[in-house]
Amino acid sequence: MKLHKIMALLLALLMVVPFAHAQEAAQASEAPETAQTETAEEPAEEPAEEEVPNYFAMVKTVDLNNEPFDGSVFEGKRLMINIWADWCPPCRAEMPALNKLAEEYKDKITIVGMIPEGVTVEEGKLVVVPEKLDLAKAVYEEMDITYPTIVPEEILYTLISQTGLQVFPTTWFVDERGYLIHIAESSYDEAGWRSLMDNVLDFMDTQAEARENPDAAQ
């Protein structure tokens, strides 16, 4: 598959209005009501929206033990993908809070880590770097972290490139359809994560309700 070309297009399809700008976008999209007349024509039916597959659920990769990880477990779930590195102090500092919240919020959102440095490109192919897996695994054992961390395969690696990863840690929030909703380029303490997670989840709920009841949103 030519995933680099595919994902360049998919990013445009999957990116939605970040929750932080939702109110501004909603205000900008409001149009004044127009009076209805007896001669008003009924609007033409809009074509059915083409369903976009959940590419996060198509991921096939490995975890820190270099064991297969099947992204199909992400199907229909909201995700919080924390992108980190073993040498990153802010990454390590927030991991105990994330570990606690992963259990507390498990019925609302799935937390998973990802280490881009766990792979490298050789002859145009992604190859796992066992030494980086060992370093990351040592962090997990030292801090008794239980939520999974995976390495990026082609889909995730391309999305990292398309979104322009700048800092560690960076966290992606993904809704149940596989749409990338928000990117947080910072570390947080427990209270900060709890506030951000609640806000993003509320935004996802609002968007889901609007999809289920489009007439009510008008």
Protein backbone atom coordinates (compact mmCIF):
# COMPACT_ATOMS: atom_id res chain seq x y z
CA MET A 1 0.00 0.00 0.00
CA LYS A 2 1.18 3.52 -0.79
CA LEU A 3 0.34 4.71 2.70
CA HIS A 4 2.30 7.94 2.54
CA LYS A 5 0.08 9.16 -0.30
CA ILE A 6 -3.05 7.70 1.25
CA MET A 7 -2.47 9.24 4.68
CA ALA A 8 -1.82 12.70 3.23
CA LEU A 9 -5.41 12.57 1.98
CA LEU A 10 -6.76 10.80 5.04
CA LEU A 11 -5.45 13.45 7.37
CA ALA A 12 -7.65 16.02 5.67
CA LEU A 13 -10.60 13.65 5.99
CA LEU A 14 -9.97 12.63 9.58
CA MET A 15 -9.08 15.97 11.11
CA VAL A 16 -12.09 17.77 12.61
CA VAL A 17 -12.40 21.08 14.41
CA PRO A 18 -10.26 20.90 17.57
CA PHE A 19 -12.44 21.07 20.64
CA ALA A 20 -10.68 24.22 21.88
CA HIS A 21 -11.96 26.11 18.82
CA ALA A 22 -15.39 24.51 18.67
CA GLN A 23 -17.26 27.48 20.09
CA GLU A 24 -15.59 29.91 17.69
CA ALA A 25 -16.31 27.65 14.75
CA ALA A 26 -19.92 27.24 15.79
CA GLN A 27 -20.41 30.99 16.01
CA ALA A 28 -18.82 31.54 12.61
CA SER A 29 -21.08 28.96 11.03
CA GLU A 30 -24.32 30.44 12.36
CA ALA A 31 -26.47 32.00 9.64
CA PRO A 32 -29.43 34.34 10.17
CA GLU A 33 -32.81 32.68 10.00
CA THR A 34 -34.77 33.36 6.83
CA ALA A 35 -38.54 33.70 6.71
CA GLN A 36 -40.32 30.74 5.14
CA THR A 37 -42.69 31.41 2.29
CA GLU A 38 -45.48 29.36 0.87
CA THR A 39 -43.55 29.04 -2.41
CA ALA A 40 -40.35 27.86 -0.76
CA GLU A 41 -39.00 24.78 -2.43
CA GLU A 42 -38.06 21.76 -0.39
CA PRO A 43 -34.29 21.35 -0.18
CA ALA A 44 -32.79 18.61 -2.28
CA GLU A 45 -31.65 15.57 -0.39
CA GLU A 46 -27.96 15.64 0.38
CA PRO A 47 -25.93 12.63 -0.75
CA ALA A 48 -25.12 10.14 1.97
CA GLU A 49 -21.78 10.84 3.59
CA GLU A 50 -19.18 8.29 2.57
CA GLU A 51 -18.04 6.26 5.53
CA VAL A 52 -14.34 6.60 6.29
CA PRO A 53 -12.74 3.51 7.85
CA ASN A 54 -11.11 3.75 11.28
CA TYR A 55 -7.45 3.58 10.35
CA PHE A 56 -6.36 3.39 13.98
CA ALA A 57 -8.23 0.09 14.19
CA MET A 58 -6.23 -1.16 11.19
CA VAL A 59 -2.88 -0.81 12.97
CA LYS A 60 -0.75 -3.95 13.18
CA THR A 61 2.35 -3.36 15.27
CA VAL A 62 4.26 -4.54 18.38
CA ASP A 63 4.37 -3.55 22.03
CA LEU A 64 7.36 -3.04 24.34
CA ASN A 65 7.87 -6.80 24.56
CA ASN A 66 8.09 -6.91 20.75
CA GLU A 67 4.88 -8.91 20.84
CA PRO A 68 2.17 -8.40 18.19
CA PHE A 69 -0.39 -5.70 18.95
CA ASP A 70 -3.63 -5.71 16.98
CA GLY A 71 -5.24 -2.29 16.59
CA SER A 72 -8.66 -3.87 16.07
CA VAL A 73 -9.06 -3.46 19.85
CA PHE A 74 -9.39 0.28 19.09
CA GLU A 75 -12.51 -0.20 16.96
CA GLY A 76 -15.35 1.92 18.31
CA LYS A 77 -13.24 3.26 21.20
CA ARG A 78 -12.07 6.72 22.08
CA LEU A 79 -8.28 6.90 22.31
CA MET A 80 -5.67 8.99 24.06
CA ILE A 81 -2.31 8.21 22.46
CA ASN A 82 0.58 9.57 24.50
CA ILE A 83 3.72 9.93 22.38
CA TRP A 84 6.84 9.77 24.54
CA ALA A 85 10.55 8.93 24.75
CA ASP A 86 12.53 7.13 27.45
CA TRP A 87 15.01 10.05 27.84
CA CYS A 88 12.24 12.69 28.26
CA PRO A 89 11.84 13.88 31.91
CA PRO A 90 8.39 15.49 31.37
CA CYS A 91 7.21 12.24 29.77
CA ARG A 92 8.34 10.20 32.75
CA ALA A 93 6.93 12.74 35.24
CA GLU A 94 3.37 12.45 33.93
CA MET A 95 3.28 8.68 33.50
CA PRO A 96 2.14 7.83 37.07
CA ALA A 97 -0.84 10.17 36.61
CA LEU A 98 -1.62 8.64 33.22
CA ASN A 99 -1.40 5.17 34.72
CA LYS A 100 -3.93 6.13 37.38
CA LEU A 101 -6.25 7.83 34.89
CA ALA A 102 -6.02 4.89 32.47
CA GLU A 103 -7.81 2.78 35.06
CA GLU A 104 -10.17 5.49 36.25
CA TYR A 105 -11.29 6.46 32.71
CA LYS A 106 -11.13 3.01 31.13
CA ASP A 107 -14.86 3.01 30.40
CA LYS A 108 -14.62 6.41 28.70
CA ILE A 109 -11.31 6.46 26.84
CA THR A 110 -8.40 4.08 26.23
CA ILE A 111 -4.93 5.38 27.06
CA VAL A 112 -2.01 3.94 25.11
CA GLY A 113 1.59 5.09 24.82
CA MET A 114 3.62 5.25 21.63
CA ILE A 115 7.40 5.55 21.14
CA PRO A 116 8.43 6.77 17.68
CA GLU A 117 12.06 5.98 18.48
CA GLY A 118 11.11 2.32 18.74
CA VAL A 119 11.42 2.11 14.95
CA THR A 120 13.82 3.34 12.32
CA VAL A 121 13.70 3.48 8.54
CA GLU A 122 16.00 1.10 6.68
CA GLU A 123 15.85 0.76 2.90
CA GLY A 124 12.43 2.38 2.89
CA LYS A 125 10.97 0.05 5.51
CA LEU A 126 10.23 0.50 9.21
CA VAL A 127 12.38 -1.71 11.41
CA VAL A 128 11.99 -2.18 15.16
CA VAL A 129 14.89 -0.97 17.34
CA PRO A 130 15.16 -3.55 20.18
CA GLU A 131 17.47 -1.33 22.25
CA LYS A 132 14.84 1.41 22.40
CA LEU A 133 12.17 -1.09 23.39
CA ASP A 134 14.39 -2.28 26.23
CA LEU A 135 14.95 1.28 27.48
CA ALA A 136 11.23 2.05 27.37
CA LYS A 137 10.41 -1.25 29.03
CA ALA A 138 12.84 -0.41 31.84
CA VAL A 139 10.93 2.83 32.46
CA TYR A 140 7.69 0.88 32.65
CA GLU A 141 9.11 -1.61 35.13
CA GLU A 142 10.70 1.12 37.27
CA MET A 143 7.43 3.07 37.50
CA ASP A 144 5.06 0.08 37.46
CA ILE A 145 3.14 1.37 34.43
CA THR A 146 0.39 -0.92 33.15
CA TYR A 147 -1.22 0.75 30.13
CA PRO A 148 0.33 -0.47 26.85
CA THR A 149 2.90 1.31 24.73
CA ILE A 150 3.27 0.46 21.05
CA VAL A 151 5.66 1.40 18.26
CA PRO A 152 4.36 3.14 15.14
CA GLU A 153 3.91 1.11 11.98
CA GLU A 154 3.28 2.68 8.56
CA ILE A 155 -0.09 4.25 9.33
CA LEU A 156 0.98 5.81 12.64
CA TYR A 157 4.45 6.74 11.40
CA THR A 158 2.95 8.59 8.45
CA LEU A 159 0.43 10.34 10.69
CA ILE A 160 3.28 11.46 12.96
CA SER A 161 4.92 13.00 9.90
CA GLN A 162 1.69 14.58 8.66
CA THR A 163 0.85 16.17 12.01
CA GLY A 164 4.39 17.48 12.45
CA LEU A 165 5.48 16.04 15.79
CA GLN A 166 7.50 18.78 17.50
CA VAL A 167 7.88 17.88 21.16
CA PHE A 168 7.78 15.04 23.65
CA PRO A 169 5.33 14.35 25.09
CA THR A 170 2.59 14.94 22.54
CA THR A 171 -0.84 13.39 22.97
CA TRP A 172 -3.48 12.64 20.35
CA PHE A 173 -7.17 12.43 21.22
CA VAL A 174 -9.10 10.23 18.80
CA ASP A 175 -12.87 9.72 18.79
CA GLU A 176 -14.71 6.43 18.38
CA ARG A 177 -14.77 6.81 14.58
CA GLY A 178 -10.99 7.18 14.32
CA TYR A 179 -11.09 10.97 13.84
CA LEU A 180 -8.18 12.92 15.30
CA ILE A 181 -9.92 15.50 17.51
CA HIS A 182 -7.18 17.28 19.45
CA ILE A 183 -3.40 17.35 19.82
CA ALA A 184 -1.87 18.34 23.18
CA GLU A 185 1.81 19.32 22.95
CA SER A 186 2.66 19.39 26.63
CA SER A 187 2.93 17.36 29.81
CA TYR A 188 0.37 17.72 32.60
CA ASP A 189 -0.04 16.77 36.21
CA GLU A 190 -3.00 14.65 37.29
CA ALA A 191 -5.34 17.60 37.76
CA GLY A 192 -4.34 19.08 34.41
CA TRP A 193 -4.92 15.79 32.59
CA ARG A 194 -8.23 15.25 34.32
CA SER A 195 -9.46 18.70 33.25
CA LEU A 196 -8.27 18.29 29.66
CA MET A 197 -9.68 14.78 29.33
CA ASP A 198 -13.06 15.85 30.68
CA ASN A 199 -13.21 18.79 28.27
CA VAL A 200 -12.27 16.68 25.24
CA LEU A 201 -14.70 13.92 26.23
CA ASP A 202 -17.48 16.50 26.63
CA PHE A 203 -16.68 17.81 23.15
CA MET A 204 -16.79 14.28 21.73
CA ASP A 205 -20.14 13.72 23.43
CA THR A 206 -21.51 16.92 21.91
CA GLN A 207 -20.31 15.92 18.45
CA ALA A 208 -21.78 12.42 18.82
CA GLU A 209 -25.15 13.84 19.88
CA ALA A 210 -25.13 16.20 16.89
CA ARG A 211 -24.50 13.28 14.54
CA GLU A 212 -27.30 11.24 16.10
CA ASN A 213 -29.76 14.16 16.09
CA PRO A 214 -28.77 16.43 13.19
CA ASP A 215 -32.13 18.24 13.22
CA ALA A 216 -31.65 19.30 16.85
CA ALA A 217 -28.29 20.86 16.02
CA GLN A 218 -29.80 23.19 13.42
